[in-house]
Structures are given as structure tokens and as C-alpha cells.
Amino acid sequence: MLAALAAAAFTAIVTQDSAALRAAPRDSASQQAVLFQGDSLEIRGQRMDYLQVYDHRRERGGYIRASQVRTQSLEAKDAPDLLAVVRFLRDTPGAEALGISYAAAYLKAAPAEAIGPEPFDAIGTMAERLARRASGKQGKTDDTVVAAHLEVAASYGVAMQGFERDGRIQLCYNGEAFRRVLAMNSSDEQRARAALALTKPECVDPNLTPTERAALDTWRADVLERVKLTDLPEYEKNRLHMRRAGVWASIAFERTRQHQPAQEAASRAVQELAAVNKTEIAEPDTSSYTDAAVRVAASRWAAEPEPATGNGLAVVTTPGGPGETCVSLVDAKHDQKAPLAKRCTYGLVWKASVSVNAQKTALTLAVQPLDSWRELWVFRQAANGWSIDILPPAADAPDLGYLEFAGWVPGTAKMLAVREARIDGRFKRSFEVINMVSMEVEKQADNPHSLSLFYRWQDAGWKSGTLSLR
């Protein structure tokens, strides 16, 4: 046995969590280290039912029970067997570190000309699932195991990135294996998985500068364009349409901010969302569809041409400080030098969204400070002059959401609006009747047909363009 191990290339892969590496081949011997699934050990001998091994990652030797590892040959003739194990572990939850270890063993054993995209697709899939496990809520024991599995994966070159979101750390795989898949002669399904993994919105670094973010989104759009949809199953096509919609919505926002033409990008976002086959959305993708719809809704005004300013109540924009836009409310008697009201913002001002009530005493305007967050500015006249109220989609810190005007209620100081936002990880959509005096929500419902005022007085322009009625 020892002669065979010495003559051939063999490795011992740990298959059990919390396996003890001991100083001697007996249970009573002192523990040198605790090993976990996927740890790879060099075999140096055998004593009774223990293998004498060396752990290069921890730089220490010892003994481990033979039943806690699998001895694997790394010769070229054994590569197909290793790949078969990778295929089995690829979709086995909790076995990601072990699967990555077997994939690494296969890449070491297989001749270079025989290696295709499959092992890299498997590594990426398992690394992505491991990142999701690490980002989810775990118990204390689970946290220890997941942390150990992350260390095992890192020993094979699988790198993770961490971003703080909602007071928690979001771990994301850096996607190196998926980039290899895209660079190889891969199948459409493999390319689709790679593209979706590389373009996840939750894995975009929130600390990127606007220039870096614009470059990243351009790259994300290019990656998604490389995937042919023709032969993909319908649910996979839906996933790509959803992701493309969200990415193009961000591009529309960034192009507008850089004073570049954005109408084409915004229209593309709307078209991609409309291409989703809602009858074929897989249950796990329901939230992704809402995510994409909210992102597109936040930037949808970029698809509309800017209207010409008339002589009535209107808004005029002028440059403010660096990066600022100042909004002035004007009418036939008050120009921008002596406006009725004025406020400056670092957000994008969508003048195409302006709506004025019949009495000319109120005006609404969509303002978008972030690519996935759009607020509603309400200009209203009172006895002491004009005021400006800013209505956000949610009271929480800006994340993902929009609030938009939906209609005026004639003869009353009431306005219709709809808001949709992600709050504590869940999406909430509500159709509302807002009192224009107090700016409080008088009535709300999750369906516009449940509100008689909403059903009767919703604005025709809003109804034709909104994405809240999808």
C-alpha cells in the first residue's frame, strides 16, 4: 500500500467536518488541528486505521482516521472519475467546499487539452452558493462550519468580496471561474449561468465612484449581451431579461447624469422587462422580477422626451453648485429670477414627469437621487406662499424604490400616488390617497381597485406609462 502511494500521485480529501488531525495514530493523542470538508492532505504513510499526512495549508503533519478522508489518485486516467464526483457535488447544498476540492483535483489530474468549461462552471456555481450560505442567517454552529468552508475554498484560490448592506455583510464570489467559462467554448446554459452570476446587483460595490460604476454597468451589459437566448428554457430567458432590464435602467440613469443621450437605454430597459414571460417565472425568481421592475420604474422617465416650457405653471432647471441642479417654479408672472419657489438637488430632475392640478395650485415632479431610488417633489400653494415637500418611497435609508404621482382628485385637496420599495428585504407596493394639506396618507391599498377615488381619478398618462400595474 505504501509503495503504491509513493509511486503514484495521491491526495487525501477530507470528507467530514471537524475531523481531528492528531499527533499520533490513536484517539487519545493530542489534537493538532481541526479539519473540514475539502481540506486536501499529502499522504506520507499509514498506521493501523490512520493515515499519516501533511497539511500544507497549516504547515503541520499528523494522523487522521482513514474513514474521514477519501484517497484520490491524481493520474490522468482517473480524471473522469474525479469529474463524475464534481457533477454529483455541484448541486449538493452544504458540500460546496468538498466539491471545489474535487474540482481542483480534477484540474490537476486532467490533461490541459481535455479541460473544458464544465469544471469552471461547477466551481463558480458552488462558490456562489457558498457565498449565499455565508450571507444568510446562520446559527452559531453553522457560522463556524461556513467560516471553515470559506477558508477551505480560499485555499484553492476561490476569492470572496464582502459588502455591507442593511447592517449586514453581503459576501459575493469574485467570479473568476465564471469569467473562464465565458472565455471558453461554452454552452448557452453555461454562459447564461456565468453572465447572471457576474452581474448580480447585490454584488456591486456600493463605494464605487460614478465613473467606476458607469464602466462596470457597461461591462455588465456587454456580458449579458454575449448570451444567446434562442435555445434556453423559458425560465432562464426570463432571468436574463430581468437582469438586462435592471442593468439598462442603471445605464440610463448614469448617462443622464453625464449629460449623454439616455432615451435609448431607458427604452431598452422597458423592452427587456416587457419581454419577461410572466407565466413562466420560476417561484424563486418572483423577487428578482419585482427587483427589476422597481429599478426600471425608478429610471423610466429617461425614456420620455423633455417637454417644452409653456406660459403656465412649470419648472425650470439651472446649474447650481458642482453636481447640483436647481429647480425653480415659475409661471407667467414669475420667471426664474424671481421664482415662486426654488430648491437645489444632486439628483436627476425629470421634467417630463411634471403634472399640474386644474386649479394651478399644485405641481408634482419626479427627482431621482440614485439609480434605484426616485422621490416625488410636491409644490403646493398655501396662504403664505409656495412650499416644496419631498416624499420618499420609504422612511428607511435609500435602497430600492420609487414614489410617483398617479392623479389629482377634482374639487379636493387630495392627490393619488403609488409607492413601491424594498423594506427589510421585502418589497411592498401601495396605492395611496394623500391629503395635500397635511401631506399624510389618508387611505392606502395594495390594489388600485380597492380605492374608489383611485379607480375614478387615476391619471390617464400615469396609467399608460406606469410599471406599478404590471
Protein backbone atom coordinates (compact mmCIF):
# COMPACT_ATOMS: atom_id res chain seq x y z
CA MET A 1 0.00 0.00 0.00
CA LEU A 2 2.71 2.48 0.99
CA ALA A 3 4.73 1.65 -2.10
CA ALA A 4 1.70 2.32 -4.30
CA LEU A 5 1.06 5.65 -2.61
CA ALA A 6 4.66 6.66 -3.05
CA ALA A 7 4.79 5.64 -6.71
CA ALA A 8 1.66 7.46 -7.83
CA ALA A 9 0.24 10.93 -7.29
CA PHE A 10 -2.31 10.58 -4.49
CA THR A 11 -4.05 13.04 -2.23
CA ALA A 12 -6.37 12.62 0.73
CA ILE A 13 -9.50 14.79 0.67
CA VAL A 14 -11.28 15.31 3.99
CA THR A 15 -14.97 14.39 3.68
CA GLN A 16 -16.20 15.13 7.22
CA ASP A 17 -16.39 18.36 9.17
CA SER A 18 -14.49 18.75 12.43
CA ALA A 19 -12.12 15.89 11.65
CA ALA A 20 -9.20 15.79 14.07
CA LEU A 21 -5.59 15.84 12.92
CA ARG A 22 -3.77 14.09 15.78
CA ALA A 23 -0.15 13.84 16.85
CA ALA A 24 -0.26 10.04 16.95
CA PRO A 25 -2.45 7.29 15.41
CA ARG A 26 -4.86 6.99 18.35
CA ASP A 27 -7.91 8.83 19.62
CA SER A 28 -6.23 9.80 22.87
CA ALA A 29 -3.40 11.64 21.11
CA SER A 30 -3.33 15.42 21.25
CA GLN A 31 -5.21 17.27 18.54
CA GLN A 32 -3.00 19.19 16.11
CA ALA A 33 -5.77 20.84 14.09
CA VAL A 34 -9.45 20.61 13.19
CA LEU A 35 -10.07 19.83 9.53
CA PHE A 36 -13.19 20.35 7.43
CA GLN A 37 -14.70 19.09 4.21
CA GLY A 38 -12.48 19.77 1.25
CA ASP A 39 -9.19 20.06 3.09
CA SER A 40 -6.51 18.37 0.98
CA LEU A 41 -3.69 16.43 2.62
CA GLU A 42 -0.45 14.88 1.38
CA ILE A 43 -0.28 11.17 2.24
CA ARG A 44 3.02 10.09 3.82
CA GLY A 45 2.18 6.74 5.31
CA GLN A 46 -0.33 4.59 7.16
CA ARG A 47 -0.51 3.27 10.72
CA MET A 48 -3.36 0.90 11.54
CA ASP A 49 -6.63 2.67 10.59
CA TYR A 50 -4.91 6.08 10.47
CA LEU A 51 -3.17 7.83 7.58
CA GLN A 52 -0.02 9.76 8.23
CA VAL A 53 -0.50 13.06 6.39
CA TYR A 54 0.88 16.54 5.98
CA ASP A 55 -1.37 19.62 5.83
CA HIS A 56 0.42 22.16 3.63
CA ARG A 57 -2.17 24.87 4.35
CA ARG A 58 -1.48 24.77 8.08
CA GLU A 59 2.13 23.56 7.67
CA ARG A 60 1.85 20.69 10.08
CA GLY A 61 1.76 16.93 9.93
CA GLY A 62 -0.17 14.34 11.89
CA TYR A 63 -2.56 11.44 11.69
CA ILE A 64 -6.17 11.28 10.61
CA ARG A 65 -8.62 8.39 10.57
CA ALA A 66 -8.75 6.81 7.11
CA SER A 67 -12.56 6.76 7.28
CA GLN A 68 -12.64 10.56 7.43
CA VAL A 69 -10.90 11.06 4.08
CA ARG A 70 -11.04 9.74 0.54
CA THR A 71 -7.77 8.79 -1.10
CA GLN A 72 -7.79 10.06 -4.68
CA SER A 73 -5.37 9.38 -7.50
CA LEU A 74 -4.28 12.40 -9.50
CA GLU A 75 -3.22 10.48 -12.59
CA ALA A 76 -4.73 11.46 -15.95
CA LYS A 77 -6.58 8.14 -16.30
CA ASP A 78 -8.51 8.89 -13.09
CA ALA A 79 -9.61 12.40 -14.12
CA PRO A 80 -13.03 11.24 -15.46
CA ASP A 81 -13.83 9.68 -12.06
CA LEU A 82 -12.99 12.94 -10.32
CA LEU A 83 -15.21 14.88 -12.73
CA ALA A 84 -18.07 12.48 -12.02
CA VAL A 85 -17.81 13.32 -8.31
CA VAL A 86 -17.77 17.04 -9.15
CA ARG A 87 -21.00 16.61 -11.12
CA PHE A 88 -22.60 14.92 -8.12
CA LEU A 89 -21.47 17.52 -5.58
CA ARG A 90 -22.14 20.54 -7.83
CA ASP A 91 -25.79 20.75 -6.81
CA THR A 92 -25.45 19.35 -3.27
CA PRO A 93 -26.16 22.07 -0.68
CA GLY A 94 -23.61 22.16 2.12
CA ALA A 95 -20.94 20.29 0.14
CA GLU A 96 -19.52 23.31 -1.69
CA ALA A 97 -16.02 23.16 -0.16
CA LEU A 98 -15.80 19.43 -0.83
CA GLY A 99 -16.96 19.91 -4.42
CA ILE A 100 -14.43 22.69 -5.01
CA SER A 101 -11.71 20.39 -3.67
CA TYR A 102 -12.66 17.63 -6.11
CA ALA A 103 -12.81 20.14 -8.97
CA ALA A 104 -9.30 21.32 -8.09
CA ALA A 105 -8.13 17.69 -8.03
CA TYR A 106 -9.67 17.14 -11.46
CA LEU A 107 -7.93 20.22 -12.90
CA LYS A 108 -4.65 18.90 -11.53
CA ALA A 109 -5.14 15.40 -12.92
CA ALA A 110 -6.68 16.09 -16.33
CA PRO A 111 -4.51 16.88 -19.38
CA ALA A 112 -4.76 20.54 -20.37
CA GLU A 113 -6.31 19.75 -23.75
CA ALA A 114 -9.09 17.73 -22.10
CA ILE A 115 -10.25 20.50 -19.76
CA GLY A 116 -13.45 22.22 -20.87
CA PRO A 117 -15.74 24.79 -19.23
CA GLU A 118 -17.61 22.22 -17.08
CA PRO A 119 -15.26 22.20 -14.04
CA PHE A 120 -15.10 26.00 -14.00
CA ASP A 121 -18.88 26.20 -14.28
CA ALA A 122 -19.09 23.83 -11.30
CA ILE A 123 -16.56 25.80 -9.23
CA GLY A 124 -18.41 29.03 -9.90
CA THR A 125 -21.78 27.52 -9.08
CA MET A 126 -20.54 26.06 -5.79
CA ALA A 127 -18.63 29.20 -4.83
CA GLU A 128 -21.70 31.35 -5.47
CA ARG A 129 -23.88 29.06 -3.34
CA LEU A 130 -21.28 29.09 -0.56
CA ALA A 131 -21.32 32.90 -0.62
CA ARG A 132 -25.13 32.85 -0.29
CA ARG A 133 -24.86 30.47 2.68
CA ALA A 134 -22.33 32.72 4.34
CA SER A 135 -24.50 35.81 3.77
CA GLY A 136 -27.65 34.18 5.16
CA LYS A 137 -28.73 33.94 8.76
CA GLN A 138 -26.93 31.05 10.44
CA GLY A 139 -26.78 29.61 13.92
CA LYS A 140 -23.57 29.71 15.94
CA THR A 141 -22.59 26.18 14.90
CA ASP A 142 -23.44 26.83 11.28
CA ASP A 143 -21.39 30.03 11.34
CA THR A 144 -18.31 28.08 12.43
CA VAL A 145 -18.75 25.46 9.70
CA VAL A 146 -19.43 28.02 6.96
CA ALA A 147 -16.41 30.08 8.01
CA ALA A 148 -14.27 26.94 7.83
CA HIS A 149 -15.67 26.08 4.40
CA LEU A 150 -14.84 29.60 3.20
CA GLU A 151 -11.24 29.10 4.35
CA VAL A 152 -11.06 25.78 2.53
CA ALA A 153 -12.41 27.37 -0.66
CA ALA A 154 -9.93 30.24 -0.32
CA SER A 155 -7.06 27.72 -0.16
CA TYR A 156 -8.00 26.70 -3.73
CA GLY A 157 -7.99 30.29 -4.96
CA VAL A 158 -11.73 30.94 -4.61
CA ALA A 159 -11.90 34.59 -3.55
CA MET A 160 -14.86 36.32 -1.92
CA GLN A 161 -15.70 40.01 -1.59
CA GLY A 162 -17.71 41.49 1.25
CA PHE A 163 -20.05 44.50 1.12
CA GLU A 164 -22.06 45.99 3.97
CA ARG A 165 -25.79 46.14 3.18
CA ASP A 166 -28.62 46.79 5.62
CA GLY A 167 -26.27 46.46 8.58
CA ARG A 168 -25.05 43.03 7.45
CA ILE A 169 -22.17 41.76 5.34
CA GLN A 170 -23.07 40.52 1.87
CA LEU A 171 -20.48 38.04 0.62
CA CYS A 172 -20.05 37.62 -3.13
CA TYR A 173 -17.85 35.32 -5.18
CA ASN A 174 -15.43 37.34 -7.33
CA GLY A 175 -16.42 35.31 -10.41
CA GLU A 176 -13.01 34.21 -11.71
CA ALA A 177 -14.27 30.72 -12.71
CA PHE A 178 -17.29 32.22 -14.48
CA ARG A 179 -15.02 34.56 -16.45
CA ARG A 180 -13.17 31.48 -17.67
CA VAL A 181 -16.48 29.94 -18.72
CA LEU A 182 -17.27 32.99 -20.85
CA ALA A 183 -13.81 32.87 -22.43
CA MET A 184 -14.19 29.20 -23.45
CA ASN A 185 -16.37 27.36 -25.95
CA SER A 186 -19.25 27.03 -23.50
CA SER A 187 -22.87 26.02 -23.97
CA ASP A 188 -25.63 28.62 -23.89
CA GLU A 189 -26.77 27.46 -20.45
CA GLN A 190 -23.24 27.65 -19.04
CA ARG A 191 -22.82 31.15 -20.46
CA ALA A 192 -26.21 32.18 -19.05
CA ARG A 193 -25.26 30.98 -15.54
CA ALA A 194 -21.93 32.77 -15.78
CA ALA A 195 -23.47 36.03 -17.02
CA LEU A 196 -26.13 36.05 -14.31
CA ALA A 197 -23.57 35.35 -11.59
CA LEU A 198 -21.23 38.08 -12.79
CA THR A 199 -23.92 40.77 -13.00
CA LYS A 200 -25.76 40.38 -9.68
CA PRO A 201 -26.88 43.83 -8.47
CA GLU A 202 -26.34 42.94 -4.81
CA CYS A 203 -22.68 42.29 -5.59
CA VAL A 204 -21.98 45.75 -6.99
CA ASP A 205 -19.61 47.60 -4.67
CA PRO A 206 -21.62 50.49 -3.16
CA ASN A 207 -18.42 52.51 -2.74
CA LEU A 208 -17.66 52.76 -6.47
CA THR A 209 -17.28 56.26 -7.87
CA PRO A 210 -19.84 57.32 -10.52
CA THR A 211 -17.24 56.82 -13.26
CA GLU A 212 -16.34 53.35 -11.99
CA ARG A 213 -20.00 52.41 -11.66
CA ALA A 214 -20.76 53.55 -15.20
CA ALA A 215 -17.85 51.48 -16.55
CA LEU A 216 -18.99 48.45 -14.56
CA ASP A 217 -22.57 48.67 -15.80
CA THR A 218 -21.36 48.96 -19.39
CA TRP A 219 -19.33 45.79 -18.83
CA ARG A 220 -22.32 44.06 -17.22
CA ALA A 221 -24.49 44.89 -20.22
CA ASP A 222 -21.82 43.53 -22.57
CA VAL A 223 -21.57 40.28 -20.60
CA LEU A 224 -25.33 39.78 -20.77
CA GLU A 225 -25.37 40.52 -24.50
CA ARG A 226 -22.98 37.62 -25.14
CA VAL A 227 -25.63 35.08 -24.15
CA LYS A 228 -27.86 33.75 -26.91
CA LEU A 229 -31.41 33.18 -25.72
CA THR A 230 -32.68 31.03 -28.58
CA ASP A 231 -32.15 27.56 -27.11
CA LEU A 232 -32.52 28.42 -23.42
CA PRO A 233 -35.52 27.26 -21.38
CA GLU A 234 -38.15 29.94 -20.86
CA TYR A 235 -37.40 30.49 -17.16
CA GLU A 236 -33.73 31.06 -17.99
CA LYS A 237 -34.66 33.58 -20.69
CA ASN A 238 -36.75 35.38 -18.07
CA ARG A 239 -33.78 35.65 -15.74
CA LEU A 240 -31.67 37.23 -18.44
CA HIS A 241 -34.42 39.66 -19.46
CA MET A 242 -34.85 40.71 -15.82
CA ARG A 243 -31.13 41.26 -15.32
CA ARG A 244 -30.77 43.15 -18.59
CA ALA A 245 -33.69 45.38 -17.63
CA GLY A 246 -32.08 46.34 -14.32
CA VAL A 247 -28.67 46.96 -15.87
CA TRP A 248 -30.01 49.13 -18.70
CA ALA A 249 -32.06 51.14 -16.20
CA SER A 250 -28.84 51.92 -14.32
CA ILE A 251 -27.09 52.84 -17.57
CA ALA A 252 -29.94 55.25 -18.43
CA PHE A 253 -29.51 56.96 -15.05
CA GLU A 254 -25.73 57.23 -15.44
CA ARG A 255 -25.91 58.56 -19.00
CA THR A 256 -28.39 61.24 -17.97
CA ARG A 257 -26.16 62.27 -15.10
CA GLN A 258 -23.24 62.59 -17.53
CA HIS A 259 -25.42 64.66 -19.92
CA GLN A 260 -25.36 61.90 -22.54
CA PRO A 261 -28.34 60.61 -24.56
CA ALA A 262 -30.20 58.14 -22.35
CA GLN A 263 -33.54 57.63 -24.07
CA GLU A 264 -32.36 54.53 -25.96
CA ALA A 265 -31.01 52.88 -22.79
CA ALA A 266 -34.21 53.60 -20.84
CA SER A 267 -36.35 52.26 -23.67
CA ARG A 268 -34.20 49.13 -23.79
CA ALA A 269 -34.79 48.62 -20.06
CA VAL A 270 -38.56 48.86 -20.52
CA GLN A 271 -38.44 46.50 -23.50
CA GLU A 272 -36.42 43.89 -21.63
CA LEU A 273 -38.86 43.97 -18.73
CA ALA A 274 -41.80 43.66 -21.14
CA ALA A 275 -40.11 40.62 -22.72
CA VAL A 276 -40.41 38.63 -19.47
CA ASN A 277 -42.92 35.81 -19.82
CA LYS A 278 -44.80 36.22 -16.54
CA THR A 279 -46.46 32.82 -16.84
CA GLU A 280 -43.03 31.15 -16.87
CA ILE A 281 -41.39 32.95 -13.94
CA ALA A 282 -39.94 30.35 -11.57
CA GLU A 283 -41.06 30.78 -7.96
CA PRO A 284 -37.55 31.69 -6.68
CA ASP A 285 -37.40 34.43 -9.35
CA THR A 286 -40.52 36.30 -8.20
CA SER A 287 -38.50 38.68 -6.06
CA SER A 288 -35.98 39.17 -8.89
CA TYR A 289 -38.80 40.22 -11.21
CA THR A 290 -40.03 42.80 -8.70
CA ASP A 291 -36.44 43.98 -8.20
CA ALA A 292 -36.01 44.52 -11.94
CA ALA A 293 -39.40 46.24 -12.27
CA VAL A 294 -38.63 48.70 -9.46
CA ARG A 295 -35.22 49.52 -10.96
CA VAL A 296 -36.77 50.18 -14.37
CA ALA A 297 -39.62 52.19 -12.81
CA ALA A 298 -37.11 54.41 -11.00
CA SER A 299 -35.46 55.44 -14.29
CA ARG A 300 -38.40 55.15 -16.68
CA TRP A 301 -38.69 58.93 -17.21
CA ALA A 302 -35.39 58.83 -19.09
CA ALA A 303 -37.32 57.23 -21.97
CA GLU A 304 -39.62 60.27 -22.26
CA PRO A 305 -38.68 63.43 -24.18
CA GLU A 306 -38.40 66.64 -22.19
CA PRO A 307 -41.48 68.82 -22.76
CA ALA A 308 -41.36 72.41 -23.94
CA THR A 309 -41.97 75.01 -21.22
CA GLY A 310 -45.23 76.96 -21.69
CA ASN A 311 -46.52 80.15 -20.07
CA GLY A 312 -48.35 78.40 -17.25
CA LEU A 313 -47.13 76.84 -14.03
CA ALA A 314 -43.89 74.99 -14.79
CA VAL A 315 -40.42 74.14 -13.51
CA VAL A 316 -37.14 75.46 -14.89
CA THR A 317 -33.76 73.93 -14.06
CA THR A 318 -30.45 75.77 -13.81
CA PRO A 319 -26.97 74.64 -12.72
CA GLY A 320 -26.21 75.09 -9.04
CA GLY A 321 -23.00 74.18 -7.26
CA PRO A 322 -20.75 71.39 -8.62
CA GLY A 323 -23.07 68.47 -9.43
CA GLU A 324 -26.19 70.36 -8.37
CA THR A 325 -29.35 71.16 -10.29
CA CYS A 326 -31.60 73.95 -9.04
CA VAL A 327 -35.33 73.71 -9.67
CA SER A 328 -37.38 76.90 -9.93
CA LEU A 329 -41.16 77.04 -10.02
CA VAL A 330 -42.31 79.70 -12.49
CA ASP A 331 -45.49 80.98 -14.12
CA ALA A 332 -46.49 83.82 -16.47
CA LYS A 333 -45.70 86.46 -13.82
CA HIS A 334 -42.68 84.88 -12.13
CA ASP A 335 -39.59 83.87 -14.09
CA GLN A 336 -36.52 82.03 -12.80
CA LYS A 337 -35.03 85.28 -11.50
CA ALA A 338 -37.98 85.66 -9.12
CA PRO A 339 -39.46 82.14 -8.87
CA LEU A 340 -42.46 81.12 -6.81
CA ALA A 341 -40.25 78.52 -5.11
CA LYS A 342 -36.74 77.14 -5.56
CA ARG A 343 -34.74 74.19 -4.34
CA CYS A 344 -31.47 72.55 -5.43
CA THR A 345 -30.66 68.84 -5.58
CA TYR A 346 -27.87 66.45 -6.53
CA GLY A 347 -30.46 64.11 -8.04
CA LEU A 348 -31.74 63.92 -11.60
CA VAL A 349 -34.75 66.13 -12.28
CA TRP A 350 -37.22 64.53 -14.69
CA LYS A 351 -39.09 67.48 -16.18
CA ALA A 352 -41.10 65.10 -18.37
CA SER A 353 -42.85 63.94 -15.17
CA VAL A 354 -44.36 67.35 -14.31
CA SER A 355 -48.09 67.33 -13.57
CA VAL A 356 -50.17 70.39 -12.60
CA ASN A 357 -53.61 70.29 -11.00
CA ALA A 358 -56.59 72.08 -12.59
CA GLN A 359 -56.51 74.96 -10.12
CA LYS A 360 -52.79 75.65 -10.77
CA THR A 361 -52.17 75.40 -7.03
CA ALA A 362 -50.06 72.26 -7.02
CA LEU A 363 -47.38 70.61 -9.14
CA THR A 364 -45.56 67.28 -8.85
CA LEU A 365 -42.07 66.46 -10.09
CA ALA A 366 -40.04 63.21 -10.11
CA VAL A 367 -36.47 63.57 -8.78
CA GLN A 368 -34.05 60.63 -8.77
CA PRO A 369 -31.04 60.89 -6.44
CA LEU A 370 -29.87 57.29 -7.01
CA ASP A 371 -30.14 54.84 -9.88
CA SER A 372 -32.66 52.73 -7.96
CA TRP A 373 -34.42 55.40 -5.85
CA ARG A 374 -36.88 58.02 -7.10
CA GLU A 375 -38.65 60.60 -4.93
CA LEU A 376 -41.67 62.84 -5.57
CA TRP A 377 -41.43 66.58 -5.08
CA VAL A 378 -44.75 68.31 -4.42
CA PHE A 379 -45.01 72.08 -4.94
CA ARG A 380 -48.17 73.47 -3.34
CA GLN A 381 -49.64 76.89 -2.77
CA ALA A 382 -50.81 77.99 0.66
CA ALA A 383 -51.90 81.30 2.20
CA ASN A 384 -48.31 82.24 2.96
CA GLY A 385 -46.90 81.26 -0.44
CA TRP A 386 -45.50 78.18 -2.13
CA SER A 387 -43.79 75.28 -0.35
CA ILE A 388 -41.91 72.18 -1.51
CA ASP A 389 -42.40 68.76 0.09
CA ILE A 390 -40.20 65.78 -0.70
CA LEU A 391 -41.92 62.40 -0.46
CA PRO A 392 -39.54 59.40 -0.40
CA PRO A 393 -40.58 55.83 -1.31
CA ALA A 394 -39.87 54.67 2.25
CA ALA A 395 -38.75 56.08 5.57
CA ASP A 396 -35.65 53.85 5.65
CA ALA A 397 -32.27 54.72 4.15
CA PRO A 398 -32.35 54.86 0.33
CA ASP A 399 -32.16 51.38 -1.14
CA LEU A 400 -34.59 50.38 -3.86
CA GLY A 401 -37.90 52.10 -4.52
CA TYR A 402 -39.93 54.83 -6.18
CA LEU A 403 -42.91 57.05 -5.41
CA GLU A 404 -44.87 58.50 -8.31
CA PHE A 405 -47.82 60.77 -8.92
CA ALA A 406 -50.94 58.94 -10.15
CA GLY A 407 -53.66 61.59 -10.37
CA TRP A 408 -55.49 64.61 -8.92
CA VAL A 409 -58.85 64.33 -7.17
CA PRO A 410 -61.01 67.22 -8.55
CA GLY A 411 -62.59 69.61 -6.07
CA THR A 412 -60.46 68.37 -3.16
CA ALA A 413 -57.00 68.90 -1.80
CA LYS A 414 -56.11 65.29 -2.48
CA MET A 415 -53.60 63.54 -4.69
CA LEU A 416 -53.20 59.95 -5.83
CA ALA A 417 -49.81 58.27 -5.65
CA VAL A 418 -48.21 54.84 -5.75
CA ARG A 419 -45.08 53.78 -3.96
CA GLU A 420 -43.08 50.60 -4.15
CA ALA A 421 -39.96 49.89 -2.12
CA ARG A 422 -37.86 47.18 -0.59
CA ILE A 423 -38.16 47.35 3.19
CA ASP A 424 -36.24 44.92 5.42
CA GLY A 425 -35.56 42.71 2.41
CA ARG A 426 -39.20 42.55 1.27
CA PHE A 427 -40.99 44.53 -1.40
CA LYS A 428 -44.12 46.49 -0.56
CA ARG A 429 -46.38 48.24 -3.08
CA SER A 430 -49.21 50.54 -2.07
CA PHE A 431 -51.69 52.78 -3.90
CA GLU A 432 -52.46 55.85 -1.82
CA VAL A 433 -54.70 58.86 -1.39
CA ILE A 434 -52.61 61.72 0.03
CA ASN A 435 -54.01 64.81 1.77
CA MET A 436 -52.34 67.82 0.17
CA VAL A 437 -52.74 69.97 3.28
CA SER A 438 -51.06 67.66 5.78
CA MET A 439 -49.20 65.51 3.20
CA GLU A 440 -50.34 62.44 5.13
CA VAL A 441 -51.67 59.24 3.59
CA GLU A 442 -55.45 59.11 4.15
CA LYS A 443 -56.08 55.75 2.53
CA GLN A 444 -53.95 53.04 1.02
CA ALA A 445 -54.40 49.61 -0.55
CA ASP A 446 -52.32 47.04 -2.37
CA ASN A 447 -54.72 47.17 -5.32
CA PRO A 448 -55.97 50.38 -7.00
CA HIS A 449 -59.43 48.88 -7.49
CA SER A 450 -59.82 48.77 -3.71
CA LEU A 451 -59.84 52.58 -3.55
CA SER A 452 -62.86 54.27 -5.15
CA LEU A 453 -61.05 57.61 -5.57
CA PHE A 454 -58.09 55.87 -7.17
CA TYR A 455 -60.33 53.92 -9.51
CA ARG A 456 -62.21 57.07 -10.65
CA TRP A 457 -59.48 59.71 -10.85
CA GLN A 458 -56.26 57.97 -11.81
CA ASP A 459 -54.38 59.98 -14.43
CA ALA A 460 -54.51 58.56 -17.98
CA GLY A 461 -50.88 59.44 -18.64
CA TRP A 462 -49.80 57.71 -15.44
CA LYS A 463 -51.82 54.61 -16.28
CA SER A 464 -50.28 54.31 -19.75
CA GLY A 465 -46.69 54.63 -18.52
CA THR A 466 -46.51 53.23 -15.01
CA LEU A 467 -44.92 49.88 -14.22
CA SER A 468 -46.81 49.52 -10.94
CA LEU A 469 -49.75 47.87 -12.74
CA ARG A 470 -47.60 45.11 -14.28
